[in-house]
Amino acid sequence: MPTTSLARAFSEKFSERASQRCLGWRRSQSDDTYTWVSYEEFRSQSGKVAASLRQRLPPDAYVGIMGHNCYEWFIADFACLWAGLCSVPLSESQ
């Protein structure tokens, strides 16, 4: 069956890899230890934010996301995808 949306395509791949590592980050610049989340954890967390966005914003809303490259930024971006909203990355320096 053909994929009909980007959100559906990501959702299918996230399901296939549910228990695998999705995103990781260092706890601090001086520590080489990574914190990891699975695809299912990431989908669950971003899905909760998506549900909140759906309740608070009209379906044709655009969402600007400003911040540095971090886990929370990816949560926000995917939440917009799951909610069917357009997200626009904004530079902190502009």
PDB file of N, CA and C in Angstrom:
ATOM      1  N   MET A   1       0.840  -1.176   0.000  1.00  0.00           N
ATOM      2  CA  MET A   1       0.000   0.000   0.000  1.00  0.00           C
ATOM      3  C   MET A   1       0.890   1.245   0.000  1.00  0.00           C
ATOM      4  N   PRO A   2       0.624   2.207  -0.869  1.00  0.00           N
ATOM      5  CA  PRO A   2       1.453   3.420  -0.907  1.00  0.00           C
ATOM      6  C   PRO A   2       1.228   4.281   0.337  1.00  0.00           C
ATOM      7  N   THR A   3       2.286   4.922   0.764  1.00  0.00           N
ATOM      8  CA  THR A   3       2.206   5.837   1.893  1.00  0.00           C
ATOM      9  C   THR A   3       1.570   7.131   1.410  1.00  0.00           C
ATOM     10  N   THR A   4       0.604   7.639   2.161  1.00  0.00           N
ATOM     11  CA  THR A   4      -0.127   8.819   1.713  1.00  0.00           C
ATOM     12  C   THR A   4       0.304  10.108   2.392  1.00  0.00           C
ATOM     13  N   SER A   5       1.162  10.013   3.386  1.00  0.00           N
ATOM     14  CA  SER A   5       1.636  11.236   4.032  1.00  0.00           C
ATOM     15  C   SER A   5       2.988  10.980   4.675  1.00  0.00           C
ATOM     16  N   LEU A   6       3.706  12.051   4.896  1.00  0.00           N
ATOM     17  CA  LEU A   6       4.996  11.957   5.567  1.00  0.00           C
ATOM     18  C   LEU A   6       4.808  11.420   6.986  1.00  0.00           C
ATOM     19  N   ALA A   7       3.774  11.879   7.672  1.00  0.00           N
ATOM     20  CA  ALA A   7       3.514  11.411   9.034  1.00  0.00           C
ATOM     21  C   ALA A   7       3.268   9.905   9.042  1.00  0.00           C
ATOM     22  N   ARG A   8       2.500   9.404   8.097  1.00  0.00           N
ATOM     23  CA  ARG A   8       2.237   7.966   8.042  1.00  0.00           C
ATOM     24  C   ARG A   8       3.521   7.194   7.750  1.00  0.00           C
ATOM     25  N   ALA A   9       4.346   7.703   6.851  1.00  0.00           N
ATOM     26  CA  ALA A   9       5.610   7.030   6.522  1.00  0.00           C
ATOM     27  C   ALA A   9       6.502   6.941   7.756  1.00  0.00           C
ATOM     28  N   PHE A  10       6.648   8.046   8.483  1.00  0.00           N
ATOM     29  CA  PHE A  10       7.453   8.023   9.706  1.00  0.00           C
ATOM     30  C   PHE A  10       6.842   7.080  10.735  1.00  0.00           C
ATOM     31  N   SER A  11       5.533   7.122  10.899  1.00  0.00           N
ATOM     32  CA  SER A  11       4.871   6.273  11.877  1.00  0.00           C
ATOM     33  C   SER A  11       5.117   4.792  11.592  1.00  0.00           C
ATOM     34  N   GLU A  12       5.037   4.408  10.330  1.00  0.00           N
ATOM     35  CA  GLU A  12       5.291   3.016   9.962  1.00  0.00           C
ATOM     36  C   GLU A  12       6.727   2.613  10.293  1.00  0.00           C
ATOM     37  N   LYS A  13       7.683   3.463   9.967  1.00  0.00           N
ATOM     38  CA  LYS A  13       9.084   3.152  10.254  1.00  0.00           C
ATOM     39  C   LYS A  13       9.354   3.154  11.756  1.00  0.00           C
ATOM     40  N   PHE A  14       8.731   4.057  12.495  1.00  0.00           N
ATOM     41  CA  PHE A  14       8.897   4.084  13.944  1.00  0.00           C
ATOM     42  C   PHE A  14       8.351   2.795  14.541  1.00  0.00           C
ATOM     43  N   SER A  15       7.232   2.296  14.031  1.00  0.00           N
ATOM     44  CA  SER A  15       6.662   1.037  14.530  1.00  0.00           C
ATOM     45  C   SER A  15       7.592  -0.131  14.260  1.00  0.00           C
ATOM     46  N   GLU A  16       8.189  -0.168  13.082  1.00  0.00           N
ATOM     47  CA  GLU A  16       9.106  -1.252  12.723  1.00  0.00           C
ATOM     48  C   GLU A  16      10.324  -1.287  13.634  1.00  0.00           C
ATOM     49  N   ARG A  17      10.721  -0.131  14.139  1.00  0.00           N
ATOM     50  CA  ARG A  17      11.950  -0.026  14.932  1.00  0.00           C
ATOM     51  C   ARG A  17      11.671   0.374  16.380  1.00  0.00           C
ATOM     52  N   ALA A  18      10.500   0.088  16.867  1.00  0.00           N
ATOM     53  CA  ALA A  18      10.013   0.603  18.153  1.00  0.00           C
ATOM     54  C   ALA A  18      11.021   0.515  19.294  1.00  0.00           C
ATOM     55  N   SER A  19      11.696  -0.600  19.451  1.00  0.00           N
ATOM     56  CA  SER A  19      12.588  -0.768  20.598  1.00  0.00           C
ATOM     57  C   SER A  19      14.029  -0.351  20.315  1.00  0.00           C
ATOM     58  N   GLN A  20      14.329   0.025  19.091  1.00  0.00           N
ATOM     59  CA  GLN A  20      15.692   0.428  18.738  1.00  0.00           C
ATOM     60  C   GLN A  20      15.967   1.876  19.161  1.00  0.00           C
ATOM     61  N   ARG A  21      17.252   2.213  19.242  1.00  0.00           N
ATOM     62  CA  ARG A  21      17.646   3.584  19.579  1.00  0.00           C
ATOM     63  C   ARG A  21      17.242   4.533  18.462  1.00  0.00           C
ATOM     64  N   CYS A  22      16.661   5.643  18.848  1.00  0.00           N
ATOM     65  CA  CYS A  22      16.232   6.648  17.882  1.00  0.00           C
ATOM     66  C   CYS A  22      17.136   7.876  17.957  1.00  0.00           C
ATOM     67  N   LEU A  23      17.201   8.481  19.107  1.00  0.00           N
ATOM     68  CA  LEU A  23      18.006   9.695  19.289  1.00  0.00           C
ATOM     69  C   LEU A  23      18.831   9.575  20.557  1.00  0.00           C
ATOM     70  N   GLY A  24      20.026  10.129  20.500  1.00  0.00           N
ATOM     71  CA  GLY A  24      20.891  10.131  21.670  1.00  0.00           C
ATOM     72  C   GLY A  24      21.605  11.463  21.793  1.00  0.00           C
ATOM     73  N   TRP A  25      21.982  11.796  23.017  1.00  0.00           N
ATOM     74  CA  TRP A  25      22.707  13.031  23.255  1.00  0.00           C
ATOM     75  C   TRP A  25      23.607  12.841  24.471  1.00  0.00           C
ATOM     76  N   ARG A  26      24.666  13.621  24.493  1.00  0.00           N
ATOM     77  CA  ARG A  26      25.577  13.599  25.638  1.00  0.00           C
ATOM     78  C   ARG A  26      24.941  14.335  26.800  1.00  0.00           C
ATOM     79  N   ARG A  27      25.182  13.828  27.973  1.00  0.00           N
ATOM     80  CA  ARG A  27      24.639  14.471  29.179  1.00  0.00           C
ATOM     81  C   ARG A  27      25.285  15.825  29.424  1.00  0.00           C
ATOM     82  N   SER A  28      26.572  15.908  29.096  1.00  0.00           N
ATOM     83  CA  SER A  28      27.285  17.181  29.223  1.00  0.00           C
ATOM     84  C   SER A  28      28.487  17.137  28.283  1.00  0.00           C
ATOM     85  N   GLN A  29      29.091  18.278  28.061  1.00  0.00           N
ATOM     86  CA  GLN A  29      30.236  18.341  27.156  1.00  0.00           C
ATOM     87  C   GLN A  29      31.441  17.597  27.714  1.00  0.00           C
ATOM     88  N   SER A  30      31.501  17.444  29.020  1.00  0.00           N
ATOM     89  CA  SER A  30      32.642  16.761  29.627  1.00  0.00           C
ATOM     90  C   SER A  30      32.391  15.262  29.837  1.00  0.00           C
ATOM     91  N   ASP A  31      31.193  14.794  29.525  1.00  0.00           N
ATOM     92  CA  ASP A  31      30.825  13.394  29.737  1.00  0.00           C
ATOM     93  C   ASP A  31      30.539  12.737  28.392  1.00  0.00           C
ATOM     94  N   ASP A  32      31.201  11.632  28.109  1.00  0.00           N
ATOM     95  CA  ASP A  32      30.980  10.925  26.851  1.00  0.00           C
ATOM     96  C   ASP A  32      29.803   9.957  26.908  1.00  0.00           C
ATOM     97  N   THR A  33      29.122   9.888  28.042  1.00  0.00           N
ATOM     98  CA  THR A  33      27.976   8.995  28.187  1.00  0.00           C
ATOM     99  C   THR A  33      26.769   9.576  27.451  1.00  0.00           C
ATOM    100  N   TYR A  34      26.098   8.722  26.686  1.00  0.00           N
ATOM    101  CA  TYR A  34      24.918   9.158  25.945  1.00  0.00           C
ATOM    102  C   TYR A  34      23.646   8.739  26.665  1.00  0.00           C
ATOM    103  N   THR A  35      22.630   9.551  26.542  1.00  0.00           N
ATOM    104  CA  THR A  35      21.278   9.206  26.935  1.00  0.00           C
ATOM    105  C   THR A  35      20.546   8.878  25.644  1.00  0.00           C
ATOM    106  N   TRP A  36      19.866   7.755  25.611  1.00  0.00           N
ATOM    107  CA  TRP A  36      19.171   7.319  24.394  1.00  0.00           C
ATOM    108  C   TRP A  36      17.679   7.174  24.650  1.00  0.00           C
ATOM    109  N   VAL A  37      16.894   7.431  23.617  1.00  0.00           N
ATOM    110  CA  VAL A  37      15.464   7.116  23.638  1.00  0.00           C
ATOM    111  C   VAL A  37      15.167   6.228  22.439  1.00  0.00           C
ATOM    112  N   SER A  38      14.220   5.343  22.614  1.00  0.00           N
ATOM    113  CA  SER A  38      13.822   4.452  21.527  1.00  0.00           C
ATOM    114  C   SER A  38      12.857   5.184  20.591  1.00  0.00           C
ATOM    115  N   TYR A  39      12.627   4.584  19.449  1.00  0.00           N
ATOM    116  CA  TYR A  39      11.655   5.152  18.514  1.00  0.00           C
ATOM    117  C   TYR A  39      10.282   5.241  19.168  1.00  0.00           C
ATOM    118  N   GLU A  40       9.906   4.234  19.959  1.00  0.00           N
ATOM    119  CA  GLU A  40       8.599   4.260  20.614  1.00  0.00           C
ATOM    120  C   GLU A  40       8.530   5.367  21.661  1.00  0.00           C
ATOM    121  N   GLU A  41       9.583   5.546  22.447  1.00  0.00           N
ATOM    122  CA  GLU A  41       9.600   6.627  23.438  1.00  0.00           C
ATOM    123  C   GLU A  41       9.475   7.985  22.753  1.00  0.00           C
ATOM    124  N   PHE A  42      10.234   8.151  21.669  1.00  0.00           N
ATOM    125  CA  PHE A  42      10.193   9.424  20.943  1.00  0.00           C
ATOM    126  C   PHE A  42       8.803   9.671  20.364  1.00  0.00           C
ATOM    127  N   ARG A  43       8.215   8.628  19.762  1.00  0.00           N
ATOM    128  CA  ARG A  43       6.879   8.790  19.176  1.00  0.00           C
ATOM    129  C   ARG A  43       5.856   9.100  20.260  1.00  0.00           C
ATOM    130  N   SER A  44       5.962   8.447  21.407  1.00  0.00           N
ATOM    131  CA  SER A  44       5.031   8.685  22.501  1.00  0.00           C
ATOM    132  C   SER A  44       5.141  10.119  23.023  1.00  0.00           C
ATOM    133  N   GLN A  45       6.359  10.574  23.266  1.00  0.00           N
ATOM    134  CA  GLN A  45       6.559  11.926  23.790  1.00  0.00           C
ATOM    135  C   GLN A  45       6.112  12.991  22.789  1.00  0.00           C
ATOM    136  N   SER A  46       6.490  12.835  21.534  1.00  0.00           N
ATOM    137  CA  SER A  46       6.086  13.834  20.536  1.00  0.00           C
ATOM    138  C   SER A  46       4.582  13.741  20.257  1.00  0.00           C
ATOM    139  N   GLY A  47       4.011  12.549  20.405  1.00  0.00           N
ATOM    140  CA  GLY A  47       2.567  12.392  20.229  1.00  0.00           C
ATOM    141  C   GLY A  47       1.770  13.125  21.290  1.00  0.00           C
ATOM    142  N   LYS A  48       2.277  13.150  22.525  1.00  0.00           N
ATOM    143  CA  LYS A  48       1.602  13.888  23.596  1.00  0.00           C
ATOM    144  C   LYS A  48       1.606  15.380  23.312  1.00  0.00           C
ATOM    145  N   VAL A  49       2.729  15.876  22.813  1.00  0.00           N
ATOM    146  CA  VAL A  49       2.804  17.298  22.453  1.00  0.00           C
ATOM    147  C   VAL A  49       1.867  17.577  21.269  1.00  0.00           C
ATOM    148  N   ALA A  50       1.809  16.662  20.315  1.00  0.00           N
ATOM    149  CA  ALA A  50       0.915  16.811  19.152  1.00  0.00           C
ATOM    150  C   ALA A  50      -0.543  16.908  19.588  1.00  0.00           C
ATOM    151  N   ALA A  51      -0.945  16.075  20.537  1.00  0.00           N
ATOM    152  CA  ALA A  51      -2.330  16.109  21.035  1.00  0.00           C
ATOM    153  C   ALA A  51      -2.645  17.473  21.647  1.00  0.00           C
ATOM    154  N   SER A  52      -1.686  18.026  22.377  1.00  0.00           N
ATOM    155  CA  SER A  52      -1.875  19.343  22.974  1.00  0.00           C
ATOM    156  C   SER A  52      -1.977  20.429  21.896  1.00  0.00           C
ATOM    157  N   LEU A  53      -1.128  20.328  20.880  1.00  0.00           N
ATOM    158  CA  LEU A  53      -1.183  21.303  19.782  1.00  0.00           C
ATOM    159  C   LEU A  53      -2.523  21.247  19.067  1.00  0.00           C
ATOM    160  N   ARG A  54      -3.040  20.036  18.830  1.00  0.00           N
ATOM    161  CA  ARG A  54      -4.330  19.880  18.147  1.00  0.00           C
ATOM    162  C   ARG A  54      -5.453  20.550  18.930  1.00  0.00           C
ATOM    163  N   GLN A  55      -5.372  20.477  20.264  1.00  0.00           N
ATOM    164  CA  GLN A  55      -6.408  21.087  21.103  1.00  0.00           C
ATOM    165  C   GLN A  55      -6.325  22.610  21.100  1.00  0.00           C
ATOM    166  N   ARG A  56      -5.124  23.141  20.962  1.00  0.00           N
ATOM    167  CA  ARG A  56      -4.911  24.579  21.152  1.00  0.00           C
ATOM    168  C   ARG A  56      -4.848  25.395  19.865  1.00  0.00           C
ATOM    169  N   LEU A  57      -4.562  24.744  18.739  1.00  0.00           N
ATOM    170  CA  LEU A  57      -4.346  25.481  17.496  1.00  0.00           C
ATOM    171  C   LEU A  57      -5.325  25.051  16.415  1.00  0.00           C
ATOM    172  N   PRO A  58      -5.681  25.985  15.519  1.00  0.00           N
ATOM    173  CA  PRO A  58      -6.528  25.592  14.395  1.00  0.00           C
ATOM    174  C   PRO A  58      -5.766  24.671  13.442  1.00  0.00           C
ATOM    175  N   PRO A  59      -6.483  23.834  12.682  1.00  0.00           N
ATOM    176  CA  PRO A  59      -5.818  22.857  11.811  1.00  0.00           C
ATOM    177  C   PRO A  59      -4.901  23.461  10.744  1.00  0.00           C
ATOM    178  N   ASP A  60      -5.110  24.700  10.364  1.00  0.00           N
ATOM    179  CA  ASP A  60      -4.289  25.307   9.316  1.00  0.00           C
ATOM    180  C   ASP A  60      -3.189  26.201   9.886  1.00  0.00           C
ATOM    181  N   ALA A  61      -2.847  26.017  11.148  1.00  0.00           N
ATOM    182  CA  ALA A  61      -1.851  26.861  11.807  1.00  0.00           C
ATOM    183  C   ALA A  61      -0.438  26.543  11.323  1.00  0.00           C
ATOM    184  N   TYR A  62       0.409  27.548  11.421  1.00  0.00           N
ATOM    185  CA  TYR A  62       1.845  27.387  11.202  1.00  0.00           C
ATOM    186  C   TYR A  62       2.527  27.572  12.548  1.00  0.00           C
ATOM    187  N   VAL A  63       3.541  26.775  12.807  1.00  0.00           N
ATOM    188  CA  VAL A  63       4.222  26.840  14.084  1.00  0.00           C
ATOM    189  C   VAL A  63       5.691  27.143  13.837  1.00  0.00           C
ATOM    190  N   GLY A  64       6.194  28.200  14.470  1.00  0.00           N
ATOM    191  CA  GLY A  64       7.619  28.511  14.401  1.00  0.00           C
ATOM    192  C   GLY A  64       8.344  27.847  15.565  1.00  0.00           C
ATOM    193  N   ILE A  65       9.454  27.208  15.275  1.00  0.00           N
ATOM    194  CA  ILE A  65      10.245  26.554  16.323  1.00  0.00           C
ATOM    195  C   ILE A  65      11.626  27.202  16.330  1.00  0.00           C
ATOM    196  N   MET A  66      11.947  27.857  17.451  1.00  0.00           N
ATOM    197  CA  MET A  66      13.253  28.495  17.540  1.00  0.00           C
ATOM    198  C   MET A  66      14.024  27.894  18.713  1.00  0.00           C
ATOM    199  N   GLY A  67      15.266  27.603  18.461  1.00  0.00           N
ATOM    200  CA  GLY A  67      16.111  27.067  19.508  1.00  0.00           C
ATOM    201  C   GLY A  67      17.318  26.389  18.913  1.00  0.00           C
ATOM    202  N   HIS A  68      18.192  25.945  19.791  1.00  0.00           N
ATOM    203  CA  HIS A  68      19.382  25.248  19.321  1.00  0.00           C
ATOM    204  C   HIS A  68      19.040  23.774  19.062  1.00  0.00           C
ATOM    205  N   ASN A  69      19.936  23.080  18.424  1.00  0.00           N
ATOM    206  CA  ASN A  69      19.747  21.683  18.079  1.00  0.00           C
ATOM    207  C   ASN A  69      19.735  20.850  19.363  1.00  0.00           C
ATOM    208  N   CYS A  70      18.550  20.404  19.770  1.00  0.00           N
ATOM    209  CA  CYS A  70      18.427  19.630  21.005  1.00  0.00           C
ATOM    210  C   CYS A  70      17.249  18.665  20.879  1.00  0.00           C
ATOM    211  N   TYR A  71      17.145  17.780  21.836  1.00  0.00           N
ATOM    212  CA  TYR A  71      16.085  16.774  21.830  1.00  0.00           C
ATOM    213  C   TYR A  71      14.701  17.424  21.804  1.00  0.00           C
ATOM    214  N   GLU A  72      14.507  18.446  22.619  1.00  0.00           N
ATOM    215  CA  GLU A  72      13.198  19.101  22.702  1.00  0.00           C
ATOM    216  C   GLU A  72      12.801  19.726  21.366  1.00  0.00           C
ATOM    217  N   TRP A  73      13.779  20.210  20.608  1.00  0.00           N
ATOM    218  CA  TRP A  73      13.484  20.779  19.289  1.00  0.00           C
ATOM    219  C   TRP A  73      12.909  19.695  18.377  1.00  0.00           C
ATOM    220  N   PHE A  74      13.515  18.504  18.391  1.00  0.00           N
ATOM    221  CA  PHE A  74      13.009  17.411  17.561  1.00  0.00           C
ATOM    222  C   PHE A  74      11.626  16.950  18.018  1.00  0.00           C
ATOM    223  N   ILE A  75      11.395  16.944  19.318  1.00  0.00           N
ATOM    224  CA  ILE A  75      10.062  16.612  19.836  1.00  0.00           C
ATOM    225  C   ILE A  75       9.037  17.590  19.270  1.00  0.00           C
ATOM    226  N   ALA A  76       9.345  18.882  19.329  1.00  0.00           N
ATOM    227  CA  ALA A  76       8.422  19.908  18.839  1.00  0.00           C
ATOM    228  C   ALA A  76       8.185  19.774  17.336  1.00  0.00           C
ATOM    229  N   ASP A  77       9.238  19.529  16.579  1.00  0.00           N
ATOM    230  CA  ASP A  77       9.098  19.411  15.127  1.00  0.00           C
ATOM    231  C   ASP A  77       8.246  18.202  14.755  1.00  0.00           C
ATOM    232  N   PHE A  78       8.505  17.052  15.378  1.00  0.00           N
ATOM    233  CA  PHE A  78       7.699  15.873  15.074  1.00  0.00           C
ATOM    234  C   PHE A  78       6.275  16.006  15.603  1.00  0.00           C
ATOM    235  N   ALA A  79       6.086  16.720  16.701  1.00  0.00           N
ATOM    236  CA  ALA A  79       4.732  16.956  17.202  1.00  0.00           C
ATOM    237  C   ALA A  79       3.910  17.707  16.154  1.00  0.00           C
ATOM    238  N   CYS A  80       4.524  18.672  15.507  1.00  0.00           N
ATOM    239  CA  CYS A  80       3.829  19.400  14.442  1.00  0.00           C
ATOM    240  C   CYS A  80       3.485  18.453  13.295  1.00  0.00           C
ATOM    241  N   LEU A  81       4.410  17.585  12.945  1.00  0.00           N
ATOM    242  CA  LEU A  81       4.160  16.609  11.882  1.00  0.00           C
ATOM    243  C   LEU A  81       2.978  15.715  12.246  1.00  0.00           C
ATOM    244  N   TRP A  82       2.989  15.139  13.459  1.00  0.00           N
ATOM    245  CA  TRP A  82       1.893  14.259  13.878  1.00  0.00           C
ATOM    246  C   TRP A  82       0.563  15.010  13.938  1.00  0.00           C
ATOM    247  N   ALA A  83       0.599  16.298  14.277  1.00  0.00           N
ATOM    248  CA  ALA A  83      -0.627  17.090  14.393  1.00  0.00           C
ATOM    249  C   ALA A  83      -1.105  17.639  13.055  1.00  0.00           C
ATOM    250  N   GLY A  84      -0.319  17.431  12.004  1.00  0.00           N
ATOM    251  CA  GLY A  84      -0.704  17.935  10.690  1.00  0.00           C
ATOM    252  C   GLY A  84      -0.481  19.426  10.524  1.00  0.00           C
ATOM    253  N   LEU A  85       0.434  19.979  11.291  1.00  0.00           N
ATOM    254  CA  LEU A  85       0.732  21.409  11.229  1.00  0.00           C
ATOM    255  C   LEU A  85       2.028  21.648  10.466  1.00  0.00           C
ATOM    256  N   CYS A  86       2.159  22.823   9.899  1.00  0.00           N
ATOM    257  CA  CYS A  86       3.406  23.211   9.242  1.00  0.00           C
ATOM    258  C   CYS A  86       4.342  23.785  10.300  1.00  0.00           C
ATOM    259  N   SER A  87       5.570  23.310  10.316  1.00  0.00           N
ATOM    260  CA  SER A  87       6.549  23.875  11.244  1.00  0.00           C
ATOM    261  C   SER A  87       7.623  24.595  10.447  1.00  0.00           C
ATOM    262  N   VAL A  88       8.096  25.686  11.021  1.00  0.00           N
ATOM    263  CA  VAL A  88       9.108  26.503  10.366  1.00  0.00           C
ATOM    264  C   VAL A  88      10.271  26.674  11.337  1.00  0.00           C
ATOM    265  N   PRO A  89      11.442  26.102  11.011  1.00  0.00           N
ATOM    266  CA  PRO A  89      12.582  26.313  11.905  1.00  0.00           C
ATOM    267  C   PRO A  89      13.084  27.748  11.807  1.00  0.00           C
ATOM    268  N   LEU A  90      13.333  28.357  12.945  1.00  0.00           N
ATOM    269  CA  LEU A  90      13.779  29.743  13.001  1.00  0.00           C
ATOM    270  C   LEU A  90      15.171  29.793  13.626  1.00  0.00           C
ATOM    271  N   SER A  91      15.995  30.664  13.125  1.00  0.00           N
ATOM    272  CA  SER A  91      17.341  30.809  13.645  1.00  0.00           C
ATOM    273  C   SER A  91      17.355  31.691  14.883  1.00  0.00           C
ATOM    274  N   GLU A  92      18.129  31.293  15.881  1.00  0.00           N
ATOM    275  CA  GLU A  92      18.271  32.114  17.081  1.00  0.00           C
ATOM    276  C   GLU A  92      18.947  33.445  16.809  1.00  0.00           C
ATOM    277  N   SER A  93      19.753  33.500  15.747  1.00  0.00           N
ATOM    278  CA  SER A  93      20.540  34.706  15.477  1.00  0.00           C
ATOM    279  C   SER A  93      19.822  35.728  14.622  1.00  0.00           C
ATOM    280  N   GLN A  94      18.633  35.481  14.207  1.00  0.00           N
ATOM    281  CA  GLN A  94      17.901  36.411  13.336  1.00  0.00           C
ATOM    282  C   GLN A  94      16.898  37.226  14.095  1.00  0.00           C
TER     283      GLN A  94
END
